[in-house]
PDB file of N, CA and C in Angstrom:
ATOM      1  N   MET A   1     -18.321   3.502 -15.143  1.00  0.00           N
ATOM      2  CA  MET A   1     -17.135   2.680 -14.972  1.00  0.00           C
ATOM      3  C   MET A   1     -15.904   3.580 -15.086  1.00  0.00           C
ATOM      4  N   LYS A   2     -14.961   3.328 -14.199  1.00  0.00           N
ATOM      5  CA  LYS A   2     -13.674   4.014 -14.238  1.00  0.00           C
ATOM      6  C   LYS A   2     -12.616   2.968 -14.560  1.00  0.00           C
ATOM      7  N   THR A   3     -11.587   3.388 -15.276  1.00  0.00           N
ATOM      8  CA  THR A   3     -10.480   2.469 -15.567  1.00  0.00           C
ATOM      9  C   THR A   3      -9.163   3.140 -15.224  1.00  0.00           C
ATOM     10  N   PHE A   4      -8.194   2.317 -14.848  1.00  0.00           N
ATOM     11  CA  PHE A   4      -6.860   2.793 -14.495  1.00  0.00           C
ATOM     12  C   PHE A   4      -5.840   1.857 -15.124  1.00  0.00           C
ATOM     13  N   HIS A   5      -4.832   2.413 -15.745  1.00  0.00           N
ATOM     14  CA  HIS A   5      -3.734   1.629 -16.298  1.00  0.00           C
ATOM     15  C   HIS A   5      -2.633   1.608 -15.234  1.00  0.00           C
ATOM     16  N   LEU A   6      -2.516   0.499 -14.547  1.00  0.00           N
ATOM     17  CA  LEU A   6      -1.745   0.438 -13.317  1.00  0.00           C
ATOM     18  C   LEU A   6      -0.239   0.549 -13.482  1.00  0.00           C
ATOM     19  N   LEU A   7       0.283   0.240 -14.660  1.00  0.00           N
ATOM     20  CA  LEU A   7       1.731   0.309 -14.846  1.00  0.00           C
ATOM     21  C   LEU A   7       2.150   1.399 -15.840  1.00  0.00           C
ATOM     22  N   GLU A   8       1.241   2.317 -16.131  1.00  0.00           N
ATOM     23  CA  GLU A   8       1.563   3.431 -17.027  1.00  0.00           C
ATOM     24  C   GLU A   8       1.768   4.700 -16.211  1.00  0.00           C
ATOM     25  N   GLN A   9       2.627   5.568 -16.716  1.00  0.00           N
ATOM     26  CA  GLN A   9       2.905   6.867 -16.106  1.00  0.00           C
ATOM     27  C   GLN A   9       3.287   6.731 -14.636  1.00  0.00           C
ATOM     28  N   LEU A  10       4.189   5.795 -14.360  1.00  0.00           N
ATOM     29  CA  LEU A  10       4.659   5.607 -12.989  1.00  0.00           C
ATOM     30  C   LEU A  10       5.484   6.806 -12.556  1.00  0.00           C
ATOM     31  N   GLU A  11       5.288   7.228 -11.314  1.00  0.00           N
ATOM     32  CA  GLU A  11       6.055   8.322 -10.732  1.00  0.00           C
ATOM     33  C   GLU A  11       6.845   7.792  -9.545  1.00  0.00           C
ATOM     34  N   PHE A  12       8.123   8.126  -9.511  1.00  0.00           N
ATOM     35  CA  PHE A  12       8.982   7.768  -8.396  1.00  0.00           C
ATOM     36  C   PHE A  12       9.543   9.048  -7.797  1.00  0.00           C
ATOM     37  N   ARG A  13       9.850   9.018  -6.521  1.00  0.00           N
ATOM     38  CA  ARG A  13      10.496  10.138  -5.845  1.00  0.00           C
ATOM     39  C   ARG A  13      11.864   9.657  -5.386  1.00  0.00           C
ATOM     40  N   ASP A  14      12.849  10.533  -5.482  1.00  0.00           N
ATOM     41  CA  ASP A  14      14.207  10.139  -5.115  1.00  0.00           C
ATOM     42  C   ASP A  14      14.387   9.958  -3.612  1.00  0.00           C
ATOM     43  N   ALA A  15      13.740  10.793  -2.817  1.00  0.00           N
ATOM     44  CA  ALA A  15      13.993  10.780  -1.375  1.00  0.00           C
ATOM     45  C   ALA A  15      13.116   9.806  -0.601  1.00  0.00           C
ATOM     46  N   VAL A  16      11.852   9.661  -1.023  1.00  0.00           N
ATOM     47  CA  VAL A  16      10.900   8.864  -0.246  1.00  0.00           C
ATOM     48  C   VAL A  16       9.981   8.089  -1.179  1.00  0.00           C
ATOM     49  N   PRO A  17       9.338   7.023  -0.679  1.00  0.00           N
ATOM     50  CA  PRO A  17       8.341   6.324  -1.493  1.00  0.00           C
ATOM     51  C   PRO A  17       7.218   7.288  -1.880  1.00  0.00           C
ATOM     52  N   TYR A  18       6.562   6.999  -2.987  1.00  0.00           N
ATOM     53  CA  TYR A  18       5.471   7.853  -3.449  1.00  0.00           C
ATOM     54  C   TYR A  18       4.172   7.064  -3.403  1.00  0.00           C
ATOM     55  N   ALA A  19       3.153   7.653  -2.765  1.00  0.00           N
ATOM     56  CA  ALA A  19       1.820   7.057  -2.700  1.00  0.00           C
ATOM     57  C   ALA A  19       0.896   7.914  -3.547  1.00  0.00           C
ATOM     58  N   GLN A  20       0.565   7.425  -4.725  1.00  0.00           N
ATOM     59  CA  GLN A  20      -0.301   8.166  -5.643  1.00  0.00           C
ATOM     60  C   GLN A  20      -1.742   7.716  -5.457  1.00  0.00           C
ATOM     61  N   PRO A  21      -2.628   8.618  -5.041  1.00  0.00           N
ATOM     62  CA  PRO A  21      -4.036   8.237  -4.913  1.00  0.00           C
ATOM     63  C   PRO A  21      -4.670   8.067  -6.295  1.00  0.00           C
ATOM     64  N   LEU A  22      -5.162   6.887  -6.580  1.00  0.00           N
ATOM     65  CA  LEU A  22      -5.859   6.637  -7.838  1.00  0.00           C
ATOM     66  C   LEU A  22      -7.353   6.857  -7.670  1.00  0.00           C
ATOM     67  N   LEU A  23      -7.864   6.512  -6.499  1.00  0.00           N
ATOM     68  CA  LEU A  23      -9.289   6.679  -6.216  1.00  0.00           C
ATOM     69  C   LEU A  23      -9.454   6.886  -4.717  1.00  0.00           C
ATOM     70  N   VAL A  24     -10.133   7.960  -4.347  1.00  0.00           N
ATOM     71  CA  VAL A  24     -10.393   8.243  -2.935  1.00  0.00           C
ATOM     72  C   VAL A  24     -11.827   8.750  -2.834  1.00  0.00           C
ATOM     73  N   ASN A  25     -12.639   8.048  -2.042  1.00  0.00           N
ATOM     74  CA  ASN A  25     -14.001   8.493  -1.790  1.00  0.00           C
ATOM     75  C   ASN A  25     -14.454   7.920  -0.454  1.00  0.00           C
ATOM     76  N   GLU A  26     -15.721   8.137  -0.109  1.00  0.00           N
ATOM     77  CA  GLU A  26     -16.225   7.691   1.188  1.00  0.00           C
ATOM     78  C   GLU A  26     -16.264   6.167   1.332  1.00  0.00           C
ATOM     79  N   GLU A  27     -16.120   5.453   0.252  1.00  0.00           N
ATOM     80  CA  GLU A  27     -16.172   3.985   0.302  1.00  0.00           C
ATOM     81  C   GLU A  27     -14.808   3.334   0.432  1.00  0.00           C
ATOM     82  N   GLY A  28     -13.751   4.082   0.154  1.00  0.00           N
ATOM     83  CA  GLY A  28     -12.426   3.507   0.291  1.00  0.00           C
ATOM     84  C   GLY A  28     -11.364   4.279  -0.465  1.00  0.00           C
ATOM     85  N   ARG A  29     -10.166   3.712  -0.475  1.00  0.00           N
ATOM     86  CA  ARG A  29      -9.033   4.337  -1.153  1.00  0.00           C
ATOM     87  C   ARG A  29      -8.264   3.281  -1.930  1.00  0.00           C
ATOM     88  N   VAL A  30      -7.772   3.681  -3.094  1.00  0.00           N
ATOM     89  CA  VAL A  30      -6.870   2.857  -3.888  1.00  0.00           C
ATOM     90  C   VAL A  30      -5.649   3.718  -4.160  1.00  0.00           C
ATOM     91  N   LEU A  31      -4.495   3.246  -3.701  1.00  0.00           N
ATOM     92  CA  LEU A  31      -3.243   3.979  -3.848  1.00  0.00           C
ATOM     93  C   LEU A  31      -2.244   3.137  -4.619  1.00  0.00           C
ATOM     94  N   ARG A  32      -1.430   3.796  -5.434  1.00  0.00           N
ATOM     95  CA  ARG A  32      -0.334   3.099  -6.116  1.00  0.00           C
ATOM     96  C   ARG A  32       0.968   3.588  -5.486  1.00  0.00           C
ATOM     97  N   PHE A  33       1.676   2.662  -4.844  1.00  0.00           N
ATOM     98  CA  PHE A  33       2.948   2.979  -4.214  1.00  0.00           C
ATOM     99  C   PHE A  33       4.098   2.636  -5.151  1.00  0.00           C
ATOM    100  N   THR A  34       5.061   3.541  -5.239  1.00  0.00           N
ATOM    101  CA  THR A  34       6.285   3.289  -6.004  1.00  0.00           C
ATOM    102  C   THR A  34       7.468   3.543  -5.085  1.00  0.00           C
ATOM    103  N   LEU A  35       8.389   2.600  -5.074  1.00  0.00           N
ATOM    104  CA  LEU A  35       9.586   2.706  -4.240  1.00  0.00           C
ATOM    105  C   LEU A  35      10.821   2.425  -5.068  1.00  0.00           C
ATOM    106  N   ARG A  36      11.856   3.199  -4.845  1.00  0.00           N
ATOM    107  CA  ARG A  36      13.174   2.956  -5.424  1.00  0.00           C
ATOM    108  C   ARG A  36      13.963   2.069  -4.462  1.00  0.00           C
ATOM    109  N   PRO A  37      14.999   1.388  -4.961  1.00  0.00           N
ATOM    110  CA  PRO A  37      15.826   0.576  -4.057  1.00  0.00           C
ATOM    111  C   PRO A  37      16.326   1.406  -2.873  1.00  0.00           C
ATOM    112  N   GLY A  38      16.214   0.806  -1.700  1.00  0.00           N
ATOM    113  CA  GLY A  38      16.646   1.465  -0.477  1.00  0.00           C
ATOM    114  C   GLY A  38      15.535   2.216   0.242  1.00  0.00           C
ATOM    115  N   GLN A  39      14.406   2.429  -0.404  1.00  0.00           N
ATOM    116  CA  GLN A  39      13.306   3.138   0.240  1.00  0.00           C
ATOM    117  C   GLN A  39      12.463   2.176   1.078  1.00  0.00           C
ATOM    118  N   THR A  40      11.887   2.717   2.146  1.00  0.00           N
ATOM    119  CA  THR A  40      11.134   1.911   3.104  1.00  0.00           C
ATOM    120  C   THR A  40       9.834   2.602   3.485  1.00  0.00           C
ATOM    121  N   ILE A  41       8.799   1.826   3.628  1.00  0.00           N
ATOM    122  CA  ILE A  41       7.582   2.288   4.292  1.00  0.00           C
ATOM    123  C   ILE A  41       7.634   1.652   5.674  1.00  0.00           C
ATOM    124  N   LYS A  42       7.879   2.482   6.665  1.00  0.00           N
ATOM    125  CA  LYS A  42       8.069   1.990   8.031  1.00  0.00           C
ATOM    126  C   LYS A  42       6.813   1.303   8.559  1.00  0.00           C
ATOM    127  N   GLU A  43       7.019   0.483   9.563  1.00  0.00           N
ATOM    128  CA  GLU A  43       5.918  -0.259  10.165  1.00  0.00           C
ATOM    129  C   GLU A  43       4.813   0.697  10.613  1.00  0.00           C
ATOM    130  N   HIS A  44       3.591   0.361  10.243  1.00  0.00           N
ATOM    131  CA  HIS A  44       2.418   1.164  10.577  1.00  0.00           C
ATOM    132  C   HIS A  44       1.200   0.259  10.525  1.00  0.00           C
ATOM    133  N   GLU A  45       0.027   0.829  10.779  1.00  0.00           N
ATOM    134  CA  GLU A  45      -1.212   0.054  10.730  1.00  0.00           C
ATOM    135  C   GLU A  45      -2.329   0.921  10.188  1.00  0.00           C
ATOM    136  N   ALA A  46      -3.371   0.288   9.723  1.00  0.00           N
ATOM    137  CA  ALA A  46      -4.616   0.947   9.341  1.00  0.00           C
ATOM    138  C   ALA A  46      -5.649   0.463  10.357  1.00  0.00           C
ATOM    139  N   PRO A  47      -5.925   1.256  11.392  1.00  0.00           N
ATOM    140  CA  PRO A  47      -6.754   0.758  12.492  1.00  0.00           C
ATOM    141  C   PRO A  47      -8.206   0.469  12.136  1.00  0.00           C
ATOM    142  N   HIS A  48      -8.718   1.074  11.062  1.00  0.00           N
ATOM    143  CA  HIS A  48     -10.142   0.927  10.748  1.00  0.00           C
ATOM    144  C   HIS A  48     -10.406   0.205   9.427  1.00  0.00           C
ATOM    145  N   SER A  49      -9.385  -0.435   8.864  1.00  0.00           N
ATOM    146  CA  SER A  49      -9.582  -1.079   7.569  1.00  0.00           C
ATOM    147  C   SER A  49      -8.590  -2.209   7.370  1.00  0.00           C
ATOM    148  N   PRO A  50      -9.029  -3.294   6.747  1.00  0.00           N
ATOM    149  CA  PRO A  50      -8.029  -4.242   6.273  1.00  0.00           C
ATOM    150  C   PRO A  50      -7.231  -3.562   5.167  1.00  0.00           C
ATOM    151  N   VAL A  51      -6.046  -4.064   4.909  1.00  0.00           N
ATOM    152  CA  VAL A  51      -5.182  -3.524   3.863  1.00  0.00           C
ATOM    153  C   VAL A  51      -4.888  -4.650   2.887  1.00  0.00           C
ATOM    154  N   TYR A  52      -5.216  -4.406   1.617  1.00  0.00           N
ATOM    155  CA  TYR A  52      -4.940  -5.368   0.556  1.00  0.00           C
ATOM    156  C   TYR A  52      -3.849  -4.785  -0.321  1.00  0.00           C
ATOM    157  N   ILE A  53      -2.751  -5.521  -0.478  1.00  0.00           N
ATOM    158  CA  ILE A  53      -1.628  -5.053  -1.286  1.00  0.00           C
ATOM    159  C   ILE A  53      -1.420  -6.035  -2.429  1.00  0.00           C
ATOM    160  N   VAL A  54      -1.413  -5.517  -3.656  1.00  0.00           N
ATOM    161  CA  VAL A  54      -1.131  -6.315  -4.839  1.00  0.00           C
ATOM    162  C   VAL A  54       0.199  -5.839  -5.393  1.00  0.00           C
ATOM    163  N   VAL A  55       1.184  -6.729  -5.440  1.00  0.00           N
ATOM    164  CA  VAL A  55       2.486  -6.375  -6.013  1.00  0.00           C
ATOM    165  C   VAL A  55       2.356  -6.430  -7.529  1.00  0.00           C
ATOM    166  N   LEU A  56       2.657  -5.306  -8.171  1.00  0.00           N
ATOM    167  CA  LEU A  56       2.529  -5.219  -9.623  1.00  0.00           C
ATOM    168  C   LEU A  56       3.857  -5.407 -10.343  1.00  0.00           C
ATOM    169  N   GLU A  57       4.933  -4.894  -9.743  1.00  0.00           N
ATOM    170  CA  GLU A  57       6.237  -4.913 -10.411  1.00  0.00           C
ATOM    171  C   GLU A  57       7.342  -4.917  -9.367  1.00  0.00           C
ATOM    172  N   GLY A  58       8.404  -5.652  -9.623  1.00  0.00           N
ATOM    173  CA  GLY A  58       9.536  -5.714  -8.707  1.00  0.00           C
ATOM    174  C   GLY A  58       9.291  -6.688  -7.568  1.00  0.00           C
ATOM    175  N   ARG A  59      10.331  -6.859  -6.779  1.00  0.00           N
ATOM    176  CA  ARG A  59      10.248  -7.731  -5.607  1.00  0.00           C
ATOM    177  C   ARG A  59      10.641  -6.904  -4.394  1.00  0.00           C
ATOM    178  N   GLY A  60       9.782  -6.949  -3.363  1.00  0.00           N
ATOM    179  CA  GLY A  60      10.046  -6.187  -2.151  1.00  0.00           C
ATOM    180  C   GLY A  60      10.011  -7.076  -0.934  1.00  0.00           C
ATOM    181  N   LEU A  61      10.502  -6.540   0.167  1.00  0.00           N
ATOM    182  CA  LEU A  61      10.508  -7.251   1.436  1.00  0.00           C
ATOM    183  C   LEU A  61       9.380  -6.710   2.300  1.00  0.00           C
ATOM    184  N   PHE A  62       8.389  -7.546   2.549  1.00  0.00           N
ATOM    185  CA  PHE A  62       7.204  -7.182   3.322  1.00  0.00           C
ATOM    186  C   PHE A  62       7.281  -7.873   4.677  1.00  0.00           C
ATOM    187  N   ALA A  63       6.816  -7.170   5.706  1.00  0.00           N
ATOM    188  CA  ALA A  63       6.788  -7.762   7.043  1.00  0.00           C
ATOM    189  C   ALA A  63       5.432  -7.508   7.666  1.00  0.00           C
ATOM    190  N   GLY A  64       4.997  -8.480   8.445  1.00  0.00           N
ATOM    191  CA  GLY A  64       3.771  -8.354   9.216  1.00  0.00           C
ATOM    192  C   GLY A  64       4.108  -7.976  10.647  1.00  0.00           C
ATOM    193  N   PRO A  65       3.215  -8.247  11.577  1.00  0.00           N
ATOM    194  CA  PRO A  65       3.409  -7.821  12.969  1.00  0.00           C
ATOM    195  C   PRO A  65       4.602  -8.483  13.664  1.00  0.00           C
ATOM    196  N   ASP A  66       5.057  -9.617  13.154  1.00  0.00           N
ATOM    197  CA  ASP A  66       6.217 -10.269  13.780  1.00  0.00           C
ATOM    198  C   ASP A  66       7.540  -9.655  13.318  1.00  0.00           C
ATOM    199  N   GLY A  67       7.503  -8.750  12.335  1.00  0.00           N
ATOM    200  CA  GLY A  67       8.709  -8.076  11.865  1.00  0.00           C
ATOM    201  C   GLY A  67       9.583  -8.897  10.934  1.00  0.00           C
ATOM    202  N   GLN A  68       9.204 -10.140  10.658  1.00  0.00           N
ATOM    203  CA  GLN A  68       9.995 -11.007   9.793  1.00  0.00           C
ATOM    204  C   GLN A  68       9.730 -10.669   8.319  1.00  0.00           C
ATOM    205  N   GLU A  69      10.755 -10.208   7.624  1.00  0.00           N
ATOM    206  CA  GLU A  69      10.591  -9.841   6.222  1.00  0.00           C
ATOM    207  C   GLU A  69      10.522 -11.073   5.331  1.00  0.00           C
ATOM    208  N   GLN A  70       9.634 -10.984   4.336  1.00  0.00           N
ATOM    209  CA  GLN A  70       9.516 -12.023   3.315  1.00  0.00           C
ATOM    210  C   GLN A  70       9.475 -11.336   1.962  1.00  0.00           C
ATOM    211  N   ARG A  71      10.139 -11.918   0.984  1.00  0.00           N
ATOM    212  CA  ARG A  71      10.196 -11.328  -0.346  1.00  0.00           C
ATOM    213  C   ARG A  71       8.998 -11.788  -1.172  1.00  0.00           C
ATOM    214  N   PHE A  72       8.293 -10.788  -1.760  1.00  0.00           N
ATOM    215  CA  PHE A  72       7.167 -11.060  -2.642  1.00  0.00           C
ATOM    216  C   PHE A  72       7.316 -10.243  -3.909  1.00  0.00           C
ATOM    217  N   GLY A  73       6.848 -10.822  -5.019  1.00  0.00           N
ATOM    218  CA  GLY A  73       6.948 -10.158  -6.306  1.00  0.00           C
ATOM    219  C   GLY A  73       5.608 -10.070  -7.008  1.00  0.00           C
ATOM    220  N   PRO A  74       5.657  -9.789  -8.299  1.00  0.00           N
ATOM    221  CA  PRO A  74       4.444  -9.559  -9.089  1.00  0.00           C
ATOM    222  C   PRO A  74       3.416 -10.680  -8.960  1.00  0.00           C
ATOM    223  N   ASN A  75       2.170 -10.251  -9.032  1.00  0.00           N
ATOM    224  CA  ASN A  75       1.017 -11.156  -8.995  1.00  0.00           C
ATOM    225  C   ASN A  75       0.788 -11.772  -7.619  1.00  0.00           C
ATOM    226  N   THR A  76       1.267 -11.091  -6.579  1.00  0.00           N
ATOM    227  CA  THR A  76       1.056 -11.553  -5.212  1.00  0.00           C
ATOM    228  C   THR A  76       0.080 -10.613  -4.516  1.00  0.00           C
ATOM    229  N   LEU A  77      -0.872 -11.186  -3.789  1.00  0.00           N
ATOM    230  CA  LEU A  77      -1.811 -10.428  -2.974  1.00  0.00           C
ATOM    231  C   LEU A  77      -1.455 -10.660  -1.512  1.00  0.00           C
ATOM    232  N   LEU A  78      -1.212  -9.573  -0.774  1.00  0.00           N
ATOM    233  CA  LEU A  78      -0.966  -9.649   0.664  1.00  0.00           C
ATOM    234  C   LEU A  78      -2.166  -9.042   1.365  1.00  0.00           C
ATOM    235  N   VAL A  79      -2.636  -9.686   2.422  1.00  0.00           N
ATOM    236  CA  VAL A  79      -3.810  -9.224   3.156  1.00  0.00           C
ATOM    237  C   VAL A  79      -3.419  -9.009   4.613  1.00  0.00           C
ATOM    238  N   PHE A  80      -3.649  -7.781   5.091  1.00  0.00           N
ATOM    239  CA  PHE A  80      -3.409  -7.446   6.492  1.00  0.00           C
ATOM    240  C   PHE A  80      -4.746  -7.062   7.109  1.00  0.00           C
ATOM    241  N   ASP A  81      -5.058  -7.633   8.262  1.00  0.00           N
ATOM    242  CA  ASP A  81      -6.302  -7.323   8.956  1.00  0.00           C
ATOM    243  C   ASP A  81      -6.267  -5.901   9.498  1.00  0.00           C
ATOM    244  N   SER A  82      -7.431  -5.365   9.834  1.00  0.00           N
ATOM    245  CA  SER A  82      -7.514  -4.051  10.475  1.00  0.00           C
ATOM    246  C   SER A  82      -6.618  -4.045  11.705  1.00  0.00           C
ATOM    247  N   GLY A  83      -5.794  -3.020  11.820  1.00  0.00           N
ATOM    248  CA  GLY A  83      -4.912  -2.891  12.974  1.00  0.00           C
ATOM    249  C   GLY A  83      -3.657  -3.730  12.927  1.00  0.00           C
ATOM    250  N   GLU A  84      -3.486  -4.551  11.906  1.00  0.00           N
ATOM    251  CA  GLU A  84      -2.288  -5.399  11.814  1.00  0.00           C
ATOM    252  C   GLU A  84      -1.116  -4.577  11.286  1.00  0.00           C
ATOM    253  N   ARG A  85      -0.035  -4.558  12.031  1.00  0.00           N
ATOM    254  CA  ARG A  85       1.145  -3.775  11.651  1.00  0.00           C
ATOM    255  C   ARG A  85       1.832  -4.427  10.454  1.00  0.00           C
ATOM    256  N   HIS A  86       2.391  -3.564   9.574  1.00  0.00           N
ATOM    257  CA  HIS A  86       3.060  -4.065   8.376  1.00  0.00           C
ATOM    258  C   HIS A  86       4.056  -3.023   7.868  1.00  0.00           C
ATOM    259  N   SER A  87       5.009  -3.483   7.060  1.00  0.00           N
ATOM    260  CA  SER A  87       6.018  -2.591   6.486  1.00  0.00           C
ATOM    261  C   SER A  87       6.461  -3.149   5.132  1.00  0.00           C
ATOM    262  N   LEU A  88       7.190  -2.315   4.393  1.00  0.00           N
ATOM    263  CA  LEU A  88       7.689  -2.690   3.066  1.00  0.00           C
ATOM    264  C   LEU A  88       9.049  -2.055   2.867  1.00  0.00           C
ATOM    265  N   ARG A  89       9.965  -2.817   2.266  1.00  0.00           N
ATOM    266  CA  ARG A  89      11.288  -2.300   1.940  1.00  0.00           C
ATOM    267  C   ARG A  89      11.662  -2.757   0.542  1.00  0.00           C
ATOM    268  N   ALA A  90      12.092  -1.801  -0.289  1.00  0.00           N
ATOM    269  CA  ALA A  90      12.618  -2.127  -1.622  1.00  0.00           C
ATOM    270  C   ALA A  90      14.131  -2.205  -1.467  1.00  0.00           C
ATOM    271  N   ASP A  91      14.691  -3.384  -1.621  1.00  0.00           N
ATOM    272  CA  ASP A  91      16.137  -3.485  -1.384  1.00  0.00           C
ATOM    273  C   ASP A  91      16.971  -3.360  -2.651  1.00  0.00           C
ATOM    274  N   SER A  92      16.675  -4.115  -3.694  1.00  0.00           N
ATOM    275  CA  SER A  92      17.575  -4.119  -4.846  1.00  0.00           C
ATOM    276  C   SER A  92      16.922  -3.717  -6.166  1.00  0.00           C
ATOM    277  N   GLU A  93      15.612  -3.468  -6.168  1.00  0.00           N
ATOM    278  CA  GLU A  93      14.933  -3.080  -7.406  1.00  0.00           C
ATOM    279  C   GLU A  93      13.723  -2.214  -7.097  1.00  0.00           C
ATOM    280  N   ASP A  94      13.239  -1.507  -8.120  1.00  0.00           N
ATOM    281  CA  ASP A  94      12.018  -0.725  -7.976  1.00  0.00           C
ATOM    282  C   ASP A  94      10.861  -1.652  -7.617  1.00  0.00           C
ATOM    283  N   VAL A  95       9.956  -1.153  -6.795  1.00  0.00           N
ATOM    284  CA  VAL A  95       8.760  -1.903  -6.415  1.00  0.00           C
ATOM    285  C   VAL A  95       7.539  -1.023  -6.684  1.00  0.00           C
ATOM    286  N   VAL A  96       6.532  -1.618  -7.318  1.00  0.00           N
ATOM    287  CA  VAL A  96       5.261  -0.943  -7.567  1.00  0.00           C
ATOM    288  C   VAL A  96       4.168  -1.842  -7.012  1.00  0.00           C
ATOM    289  N   CYS A  97       3.310  -1.276  -6.168  1.00  0.00           N
ATOM    290  CA  CYS A  97       2.208  -2.076  -5.633  1.00  0.00           C
ATOM    291  C   CYS A  97       0.949  -1.227  -5.498  1.00  0.00           C
ATOM    292  N   LEU A  98      -0.153  -1.910  -5.519  1.00  0.00           N
ATOM    293  CA  LEU A  98      -1.464  -1.310  -5.378  1.00  0.00           C
ATOM    294  C   LEU A  98      -1.958  -1.603  -3.971  1.00  0.00           C
ATOM    295  N   VAL A  99      -2.442  -0.577  -3.277  1.00  0.00           N
ATOM    296  CA  VAL A  99      -2.946  -0.732  -1.913  1.00  0.00           C
ATOM    297  C   VAL A  99      -4.412  -0.328  -1.899  1.00  0.00           C
ATOM    298  N   ILE A 100      -5.247  -1.202  -1.355  1.00  0.00           N
ATOM    299  CA  ILE A 100      -6.684  -0.975  -1.307  1.00  0.00           C
ATOM    300  C   ILE A 100      -7.127  -0.990   0.153  1.00  0.00           C
ATOM    301  N   LEU A 101      -7.831   0.069   0.559  1.00  0.00           N
ATOM    302  CA  LEU A 101      -8.343   0.193   1.922  1.00  0.00           C
ATOM    303  C   LEU A 101      -9.827   0.482   1.879  1.00  0.00           C
ATOM    304  N   HIS A 102     -10.551   0.002   2.889  1.00  0.00           N
ATOM    305  CA  HIS A 102     -11.987   0.270   3.022  1.00  0.00           C
ATOM    306  C   HIS A 102     -12.197   1.636   3.646  1.00  0.00           C
ATOM    307  N   GLU A 103     -13.452   2.000   3.724  1.00  0.00           N
ATOM    308  CA  GLU A 103     -13.840   3.247   4.375  1.00  0.00           C
ATOM    309  C   GLU A 103     -13.433   3.234   5.842  1.00  0.00           C
ATOM    310  N   ALA A 104     -12.964   4.378   6.342  1.00  0.00           N
ATOM    311  CA  ALA A 104     -12.704   4.525   7.774  1.00  0.00           C
ATOM    312  C   ALA A 104     -14.002   4.944   8.444  1.00  0.00           C
ATOM    313  N   PRO A 105     -14.297   4.428   9.625  1.00  0.00           N
ATOM    314  CA  PRO A 105     -15.561   4.783  10.274  1.00  0.00           C
ATOM    315  C   PRO A 105     -15.569   6.251  10.685  1.00  0.00           C
ATOM    316  N   LEU A 106     -16.755   6.811  10.839  1.00  0.00           N
ATOM    317  CA  LEU A 106     -16.885   8.189  11.301  1.00  0.00           C
ATOM    318  C   LEU A 106     -16.361   8.290  12.736  1.00  0.00           C
ATOM    319  N   THR A 107     -15.670   9.373  13.016  1.00  0.00           N
ATOM    320  CA  THR A 107     -15.121   9.532  14.381  1.00  0.00           C
ATOM    321  C   THR A 107     -16.096  10.224  15.303  1.00  0.00           C
ATOM    322  N   HIS A 108     -17.167  10.776  14.733  1.00  0.00           N
ATOM    323  CA  HIS A 108     -18.190  11.418  15.568  1.00  0.00           C
ATOM    324  C   HIS A 108     -19.547  11.282  14.897  1.00  0.00           C
ATOM    325  N   LYS A 109     -20.581  11.405  15.688  1.00  0.00           N
ATOM    326  CA  LYS A 109     -21.952  11.313  15.138  1.00  0.00           C
ATOM    327  C   LYS A 109     -22.459  12.717  14.859  1.00  0.00           C
ATOM    328  N   LYS A 110     -23.306  12.819  13.837  1.00  0.00           N
ATOM    329  CA  LYS A 110     -23.938  14.099  13.535  1.00  0.00           C
ATOM    330  C   LYS A 110     -24.930  14.447  14.640  1.00  0.00           C
ATOM    331  N   ALA A 111     -25.017  15.733  14.936  1.00  0.00           N
ATOM    332  CA  ALA A 111     -25.998  16.192  15.925  1.00  0.00           C
ATOM    333  C   ALA A 111     -27.399  16.051  15.328  1.00  0.00           C
ATOM    334  N   GLU A 112     -28.320  15.570  16.110  1.00  0.00           N
ATOM    335  CA  GLU A 112     -29.693  15.388  15.625  1.00  0.00           C
ATOM    336  C   GLU A 112     -30.557  16.552  16.004  1.00  0.00           C
TER     337      GLU A 112
END
């Protein structure tokens, strides 16, 4: 069993959001994102995995493929399907969220 204290030893970067890998292996990734007010994670997608975002601290503006921002705060789970575009903006307060992704498929087969 592994344990992680999700709101301890938070790291922020002044210039850009910080994505701290908490767990990365062949089965998936768990990242802790920290954003200062004014920082943005531009619209992007995870083509081979759904994206699960749990807001841990602060309130941020999240948008899906329609680009319409909605404010979400602590104890909220956002689910984006594989390939679904999404973005995040911290406007007036620090935002901390946990992002969980599944394994990405192999891009090539092993030679037999």
